[in-house]
PDB file of N, CA and C in Angstrom:
ATOM      1  N   UNK A   1       0.725  -1.098   0.008  1.00  0.00           N
ATOM      2  CA  UNK A   1       0.098  -0.220  -0.084  1.00  0.00           C
ATOM      3  C   UNK A   1       1.160   1.306   0.141  1.00  0.00           C
ATOM      4  N   UNK A   2       0.384   2.210  -0.952  1.00  0.00           N
ATOM      5  CA  UNK A   2       1.415   3.436  -0.652  1.00  0.00           C
ATOM      6  C   UNK A   2       0.390   4.298   0.039  1.00  0.00           C
ATOM      7  N   UNK A   3       1.228   5.046   0.761  1.00  0.00           N
ATOM      8  CA  UNK A   3       0.783   6.125   2.052  1.00  0.00           C
ATOM      9  C   UNK A   3       1.324   7.478   1.159  1.00  0.00           C
ATOM     10  N   UNK A   4       0.329   8.293   0.789  1.00  0.00           N
ATOM     11  CA  UNK A   4       0.582   9.643   0.928  1.00  0.00           C
ATOM     12  C   UNK A   4       0.106  10.652   1.437  1.00  0.00           C
ATOM     13  N   UNK A   5       0.745  11.625   1.693  1.00  0.00           N
ATOM     14  CA  UNK A   5       0.305  12.758   2.614  1.00  0.00           C
ATOM     15  C   UNK A   5      -0.359  13.860   1.851  1.00  0.00           C
ATOM     16  N   UNK A   6      -1.238  14.749   2.013  1.00  0.00           N
ATOM     17  CA  UNK A   6      -1.757  15.492   1.000  1.00  0.00           C
ATOM     18  C   UNK A   6      -2.639  16.737   2.275  1.00  0.00           C
ATOM     19  N   UNK A   7      -2.499  17.919   1.701  1.00  0.00           N
ATOM     20  CA  UNK A   7      -3.292  18.983   2.473  1.00  0.00           C
ATOM     21  C   UNK A   7      -4.162  19.345   1.477  1.00  0.00           C
ATOM     22  N   UNK A   8      -5.534  20.032   2.514  1.00  0.00           N
ATOM     23  CA  UNK A   8      -6.685  20.534   1.806  1.00  0.00           C
ATOM     24  C   UNK A   8      -6.227  21.091   0.478  1.00  0.00           C
ATOM     25  N   UNK A   9      -7.098  20.823  -0.600  1.00  0.00           N
ATOM     26  CA  UNK A   9      -7.026  21.499  -2.001  1.00  0.00           C
ATOM     27  C   UNK A   9      -5.640  20.968  -2.679  1.00  0.00           C
ATOM     28  N   UNK A  10      -5.065  19.882  -2.253  1.00  0.00           N
ATOM     29  CA  UNK A  10      -4.098  19.016  -3.087  1.00  0.00           C
ATOM     30  C   UNK A  10      -4.596  17.927  -3.887  1.00  0.00           C
ATOM     31  N   UNK A  11      -3.758  17.221  -4.692  1.00  0.00           N
ATOM     32  CA  UNK A  11      -4.574  16.490  -5.349  1.00  0.00           C
ATOM     33  C   UNK A  11      -3.423  15.335  -5.583  1.00  0.00           C
ATOM     34  N   UNK A  12      -4.042  13.937  -5.959  1.00  0.00           N
ATOM     35  CA  UNK A  12      -2.782  13.176  -6.540  1.00  0.00           C
ATOM     36  C   UNK A  12      -3.633  12.167  -7.930  1.00  0.00           C
ATOM     37  N   UNK A  13      -2.787  12.049  -8.690  1.00  0.00           N
ATOM     38  CA  UNK A  13      -3.307  11.547 -10.392  1.00  0.00           C
ATOM     39  C   UNK A  13      -3.271   9.697  -9.814  1.00  0.00           C
ATOM     40  N   UNK A  14      -4.037   8.881 -10.262  1.00  0.00           N
ATOM     41  CA  UNK A  14      -3.624   7.512 -10.882  1.00  0.00           C
ATOM     42  C   UNK A  14      -3.968   7.147 -11.760  1.00  0.00           C
ATOM     43  N   UNK A  15      -3.142   6.834 -12.884  1.00  0.00           N
ATOM     44  CA  UNK A  15      -2.977   6.936 -14.302  1.00  0.00           C
ATOM     45  C   UNK A  15      -2.519   8.033 -14.862  1.00  0.00           C
ATOM     46  N   UNK A  16      -3.386   8.241 -15.620  1.00  0.00           N
ATOM     47  CA  UNK A  16      -3.305   9.518 -16.793  1.00  0.00           C
ATOM     48  C   UNK A  16      -4.918  10.202 -16.374  1.00  0.00           C
ATOM     49  N   UNK A  17      -5.975   9.836 -16.452  1.00  0.00           N
ATOM     50  CA  UNK A  17      -7.241  10.087 -16.232  1.00  0.00           C
ATOM     51  C   UNK A  17      -7.604  10.396 -14.843  1.00  0.00           C
ATOM     52  N   UNK A  18      -7.151   9.866 -13.820  1.00  0.00           N
ATOM     53  CA  UNK A  18      -8.393   9.923 -12.536  1.00  0.00           C
ATOM     54  C   UNK A  18      -7.429  10.848 -11.668  1.00  0.00           C
ATOM     55  N   UNK A  19      -8.136  11.910 -10.815  1.00  0.00           N
ATOM     56  CA  UNK A  19      -7.328  12.787  -9.827  1.00  0.00           C
ATOM     57  C   UNK A  19      -8.339  12.524  -8.908  1.00  0.00           C
ATOM     58  N   UNK A  20      -7.696  12.529  -7.478  1.00  0.00           N
ATOM     59  CA  UNK A  20      -8.413  12.490  -6.237  1.00  0.00           C
ATOM     60  C   UNK A  20      -7.698  13.926  -5.805  1.00  0.00           C
ATOM     61  N   UNK A  21      -8.626  14.673  -5.287  1.00  0.00           N
ATOM     62  CA  UNK A  21      -8.442  15.641  -4.885  1.00  0.00           C
ATOM     63  C   UNK A  21      -8.792  15.903  -3.050  1.00  0.00           C
ATOM     64  N   UNK A  22      -8.130  16.366  -2.180  1.00  0.00           N
ATOM     65  CA  UNK A  22      -8.623  16.473  -0.684  1.00  0.00           C
ATOM     66  C   UNK A  22      -9.597  18.022  -0.497  1.00  0.00           C
ATOM     67  N   UNK A  23     -10.749  18.127  -0.584  1.00  0.00           N
ATOM     68  CA  UNK A  23     -11.491  18.883  -0.614  1.00  0.00           C
ATOM     69  C   UNK A  23     -11.886  19.242   0.820  1.00  0.00           C
ATOM     70  N   UNK A  24     -11.826  18.800   2.235  1.00  0.00           N
ATOM     71  CA  UNK A  24     -12.209  19.005   3.570  1.00  0.00           C
ATOM     72  C   UNK A  24     -11.412  18.154   3.971  1.00  0.00           C
ATOM     73  N   UNK A  25     -10.886  18.978   5.595  1.00  0.00           N
ATOM     74  CA  UNK A  25     -10.414  18.129   6.761  1.00  0.00           C
ATOM     75  C   UNK A  25     -11.072  18.564   7.719  1.00  0.00           C
ATOM     76  N   UNK A  26     -11.495  17.871   8.595  1.00  0.00           N
ATOM     77  CA  UNK A  26     -12.527  18.420   9.769  1.00  0.00           C
ATOM     78  C   UNK A  26     -13.189  17.515  10.873  1.00  0.00           C
ATOM     79  N   UNK A  27     -12.604  17.787  11.991  1.00  0.00           N
ATOM     80  CA  UNK A  27     -13.257  16.420  12.892  1.00  0.00           C
ATOM     81  C   UNK A  27     -12.985  15.244  12.427  1.00  0.00           C
ATOM     82  N   UNK A  28     -11.580  14.476  12.323  1.00  0.00           N
ATOM     83  CA  UNK A  28     -11.289  13.339  11.787  1.00  0.00           C
ATOM     84  C   UNK A  28     -11.922  12.864  10.589  1.00  0.00           C
ATOM     85  N   UNK A  29     -12.125  13.613   9.644  1.00  0.00           N
ATOM     86  CA  UNK A  29     -12.888  13.093   8.459  1.00  0.00           C
ATOM     87  C   UNK A  29     -12.435  13.471   7.291  1.00  0.00           C
ATOM     88  N   UNK A  30     -11.770  12.948   6.459  1.00  0.00           N
ATOM     89  CA  UNK A  30     -11.976  13.448   5.015  1.00  0.00           C
ATOM     90  C   UNK A  30     -12.584  13.499   3.926  1.00  0.00           C
ATOM     91  N   UNK A  31     -12.834  14.522   3.085  1.00  0.00           N
ATOM     92  CA  UNK A  31     -13.787  14.807   2.100  1.00  0.00           C
ATOM     93  C   UNK A  31     -12.989  14.509   1.137  1.00  0.00           C
ATOM     94  N   UNK A  32     -13.058  13.800  -0.001  1.00  0.00           N
ATOM     95  CA  UNK A  32     -12.241  14.176  -1.309  1.00  0.00           C
ATOM     96  C   UNK A  32     -13.340  14.115  -2.858  1.00  0.00           C
ATOM     97  N   UNK A  33     -12.699  14.456  -3.874  1.00  0.00           N
ATOM     98  CA  UNK A  33     -13.227  14.701  -4.868  1.00  0.00           C
ATOM     99  C   UNK A  33     -12.319  13.377  -5.742  1.00  0.00           C
ATOM    100  N   UNK A  34     -13.489  13.061  -6.891  1.00  0.00           N
ATOM    101  CA  UNK A  34     -12.761  11.936  -7.537  1.00  0.00           C
ATOM    102  C   UNK A  34     -13.196  12.640  -8.958  1.00  0.00           C
ATOM    103  N   UNK A  35     -12.262  13.091 -10.042  1.00  0.00           N
ATOM    104  CA  UNK A  35     -12.627  13.038 -11.234  1.00  0.00           C
ATOM    105  C   UNK A  35     -12.067  11.943 -12.089  1.00  0.00           C
ATOM    106  N   UNK A  36     -13.122  11.196 -12.430  1.00  0.00           N
ATOM    107  CA  UNK A  36     -12.354   9.862 -13.555  1.00  0.00           C
ATOM    108  C   UNK A  36     -13.509  10.173 -14.512  1.00  0.00           C
ATOM    109  N   UNK A  37     -12.713   9.171 -15.793  1.00  0.00           N
ATOM    110  CA  UNK A  37     -13.789   9.053 -16.710  1.00  0.00           C
ATOM    111  C   UNK A  37     -15.546   8.193 -16.146  1.00  0.00           C
ATOM    112  N   UNK A  38     -16.431   8.603 -17.156  1.00  0.00           N
ATOM    113  CA  UNK A  38     -17.823   7.783 -16.795  1.00  0.00           C
ATOM    114  C   UNK A  38     -17.456   6.353 -17.191  1.00  0.00           C
ATOM    115  N   UNK A  39     -16.910   5.707 -17.414  1.00  0.00           N
ATOM    116  CA  UNK A  39     -16.810   4.357 -17.718  1.00  0.00           C
ATOM    117  C   UNK A  39     -15.782   3.744 -16.643  1.00  0.00           C
ATOM    118  N   UNK A  40     -15.580   4.627 -15.227  1.00  0.00           N
ATOM    119  CA  UNK A  40     -14.966   4.095 -14.521  1.00  0.00           C
ATOM    120  C   UNK A  40     -15.872   4.205 -12.557  1.00  0.00           C
ATOM    121  N   UNK A  41     -15.992   3.006 -12.153  1.00  0.00           N
ATOM    122  CA  UNK A  41     -16.738   2.807 -11.116  1.00  0.00           C
ATOM    123  C   UNK A  41     -16.505   3.218 -10.161  1.00  0.00           C
ATOM    124  N   UNK A  42     -16.582   3.956  -9.514  1.00  0.00           N
ATOM    125  CA  UNK A  42     -16.399   4.644  -7.796  1.00  0.00           C
ATOM    126  C   UNK A  42     -17.272   4.606  -7.027  1.00  0.00           C
ATOM    127  N   UNK A  43     -17.200   3.235  -5.955  1.00  0.00           N
ATOM    128  CA  UNK A  43     -17.819   3.077  -4.717  1.00  0.00           C
ATOM    129  C   UNK A  43     -17.084   3.207  -3.680  1.00  0.00           C
ATOM    130  N   UNK A  44     -17.603   3.650  -2.307  1.00  0.00           N
ATOM    131  CA  UNK A  44     -17.156   3.276  -1.354  1.00  0.00           C
ATOM    132  C   UNK A  44     -16.788   1.352  -0.900  1.00  0.00           C
ATOM    133  N   UNK A  45     -15.363   1.472  -0.329  1.00  0.00           N
ATOM    134  CA  UNK A  45     -15.297   0.237   0.140  1.00  0.00           C
ATOM    135  C   UNK A  45     -16.025  -0.978   0.800  1.00  0.00           C
ATOM    136  N   UNK A  46     -17.012   0.106   1.860  1.00  0.00           N
ATOM    137  CA  UNK A  46     -17.734  -1.078   2.439  1.00  0.00           C
ATOM    138  C   UNK A  46     -18.875  -1.503   1.312  1.00  0.00           C
ATOM    139  N   UNK A  47     -19.773  -0.161   0.543  1.00  0.00           N
ATOM    140  CA  UNK A  47     -20.279  -0.552  -0.646  1.00  0.00           C
ATOM    141  C   UNK A  47     -20.250  -1.710  -1.533  1.00  0.00           C
ATOM    142  N   UNK A  48     -18.821  -1.834  -2.344  1.00  0.00           N
ATOM    143  CA  UNK A  48     -18.058  -2.398  -3.177  1.00  0.00           C
ATOM    144  C   UNK A  48     -18.182  -3.828  -2.281  1.00  0.00           C
ATOM    145  N   UNK A  49     -17.767  -4.198  -0.908  1.00  0.00           N
ATOM    146  CA  UNK A  49     -18.011  -5.468  -0.603  1.00  0.00           C
ATOM    147  C   UNK A  49     -19.302  -5.634  -0.353  1.00  0.00           C
ATOM    148  N   UNK A  50     -20.448  -5.334   0.148  1.00  0.00           N
ATOM    149  CA  UNK A  50     -21.604  -5.305  -0.020  1.00  0.00           C
ATOM    150  C   UNK A  50     -21.978  -5.627  -1.397  1.00  0.00           C
ATOM    151  N   UNK A  51     -22.092  -5.366  -2.314  1.00  0.00           N
ATOM    152  CA  UNK A  51     -22.307  -5.829  -3.763  1.00  0.00           C
ATOM    153  C   UNK A  51     -21.548  -7.051  -3.740  1.00  0.00           C
ATOM    154  N   UNK A  52     -20.381  -7.102  -3.831  1.00  0.00           N
ATOM    155  CA  UNK A  52     -19.522  -8.582  -3.746  1.00  0.00           C
ATOM    156  C   UNK A  52     -20.126  -9.504  -3.354  1.00  0.00           C
ATOM    157  N   UNK A  53     -20.801  -9.226  -1.967  1.00  0.00           N
ATOM    158  CA  UNK A  53     -21.309 -10.530  -1.344  1.00  0.00           C
ATOM    159  C   UNK A  53     -22.351 -11.059  -1.899  1.00  0.00           C
ATOM    160  N   UNK A  54     -23.108  -9.818  -2.121  1.00  0.00           N
ATOM    161  CA  UNK A  54     -24.566  -9.989  -2.769  1.00  0.00           C
ATOM    162  C   UNK A  54     -24.837 -10.624  -4.155  1.00  0.00           C
ATOM    163  N   UNK A  55     -23.526 -10.299  -4.948  1.00  0.00           N
ATOM    164  CA  UNK A  55     -23.294 -11.262  -5.958  1.00  0.00           C
ATOM    165  C   UNK A  55     -23.001 -12.730  -6.188  1.00  0.00           C
ATOM    166  N   UNK A  56     -22.201 -12.452  -4.653  1.00  0.00           N
ATOM    167  CA  UNK A  56     -21.807 -14.217  -4.470  1.00  0.00           C
ATOM    168  C   UNK A  56     -23.097 -15.058  -3.843  1.00  0.00           C
ATOM    169  N   UNK A  57     -23.788 -14.331  -3.806  1.00  0.00           N
ATOM    170  CA  UNK A  57     -25.275 -14.742  -2.705  1.00  0.00           C
ATOM    171  C   UNK A  57     -26.318 -15.148  -3.791  1.00  0.00           C
ATOM    172  N   UNK A  58     -26.128 -14.233  -4.910  1.00  0.00           N
ATOM    173  CA  UNK A  58     -27.160 -14.397  -6.134  1.00  0.00           C
ATOM    174  C   UNK A  58     -27.069 -15.811  -6.919  1.00  0.00           C
ATOM    175  N   UNK A  59     -25.523 -15.752  -7.100  1.00  0.00           N
ATOM    176  CA  UNK A  59     -25.398 -17.320  -7.990  1.00  0.00           C
ATOM    177  C   UNK A  59     -25.038 -18.322  -7.443  1.00  0.00           C
ATOM    178  N   UNK A  60     -25.301 -18.746  -5.946  1.00  0.00           N
ATOM    179  CA  UNK A  60     -25.469 -19.641  -5.600  1.00  0.00           C
ATOM    180  C   UNK A  60     -26.300 -20.690  -5.995  1.00  0.00           C
ATOM    181  N   UNK A  61     -26.136 -21.888  -6.165  1.00  0.00           N
ATOM    182  CA  UNK A  61     -27.197 -22.731  -7.139  1.00  0.00           C
ATOM    183  C   UNK A  61     -27.955 -23.804  -5.987  1.00  0.00           C
ATOM    184  N   UNK A  62     -29.321 -24.049  -5.760  1.00  0.00           N
ATOM    185  CA  UNK A  62     -29.763 -24.686  -5.400  1.00  0.00           C
ATOM    186  C   UNK A  62     -30.305 -25.889  -6.004  1.00  0.00           C
ATOM    187  N   UNK A  63     -29.161 -26.755  -5.633  1.00  0.00           N
ATOM    188  CA  UNK A  63     -29.246 -28.536  -6.351  1.00  0.00           C
ATOM    189  C   UNK A  63     -30.608 -28.716  -6.566  1.00  0.00           C
ATOM    190  N   UNK A  64     -31.437 -29.006  -5.630  1.00  0.00           N
ATOM    191  CA  UNK A  64     -32.856 -29.375  -5.364  1.00  0.00           C
ATOM    192  C   UNK A  64     -33.785 -28.969  -6.145  1.00  0.00           C
ATOM    193  N   UNK A  65     -34.012 -27.268  -6.477  1.00  0.00           N
ATOM    194  CA  UNK A  65     -34.046 -27.191  -7.603  1.00  0.00           C
ATOM    195  C   UNK A  65     -33.682 -27.221  -8.939  1.00  0.00           C
ATOM    196  N   UNK A  66     -32.423 -27.377  -9.095  1.00  0.00           N
ATOM    197  CA  UNK A  66     -32.015 -27.980 -10.450  1.00  0.00           C
ATOM    198  C   UNK A  66     -32.375 -29.379 -10.632  1.00  0.00           C
ATOM    199  N   UNK A  67     -32.552 -30.029  -9.535  1.00  0.00           N
ATOM    200  CA  UNK A  67     -33.042 -31.520 -10.393  1.00  0.00           C
ATOM    201  C   UNK A  67     -34.523 -31.435 -10.276  1.00  0.00           C
ATOM    202  N   UNK A  68     -35.399 -30.526  -9.659  1.00  0.00           N
ATOM    203  CA  UNK A  68     -37.121 -30.484  -9.968  1.00  0.00           C
ATOM    204  C   UNK A  68     -37.388 -30.038 -11.241  1.00  0.00           C
ATOM    205  N   UNK A  69     -36.485 -28.865 -11.561  1.00  0.00           N
ATOM    206  CA  UNK A  69     -36.558 -28.654 -12.612  1.00  0.00           C
ATOM    207  C   UNK A  69     -36.028 -29.220 -14.190  1.00  0.00           C
ATOM    208  N   UNK A  70     -34.949 -30.267 -13.919  1.00  0.00           N
ATOM    209  CA  UNK A  70     -34.846 -31.103 -14.736  1.00  0.00           C
ATOM    210  C   UNK A  70     -35.742 -32.329 -15.096  1.00  0.00           C
ATOM    211  N   UNK A  71     -36.555 -32.621 -14.006  1.00  0.00           N
ATOM    212  CA  UNK A  71     -37.531 -33.989 -14.074  1.00  0.00           C
ATOM    213  C   UNK A  71     -38.308 -33.164 -15.049  1.00  0.00           C
ATOM    214  N   UNK A  72     -38.702 -32.223 -14.919  1.00  0.00           N
ATOM    215  CA  UNK A  72     -40.113 -31.595 -15.881  1.00  0.00           C
ATOM    216  C   UNK A  72     -39.772 -31.623 -17.459  1.00  0.00           C
TER     217      UNK A  72
END
């Protein structure tokens, strides 16, 4: 993991087209702005993990259900 120190108003670049800007720092919280192409998905980590877990649940196969369908 790369650790970078930034102050309010400063930015960092990821590749050539993603810019992360520190917009506000107060009370132990940091607000960041992300400027990226529309085709780049940007999610908070906790939301990303939730979506990933729900997708895993959605692809679980009920073998009993498949057997019933196969009998028909």
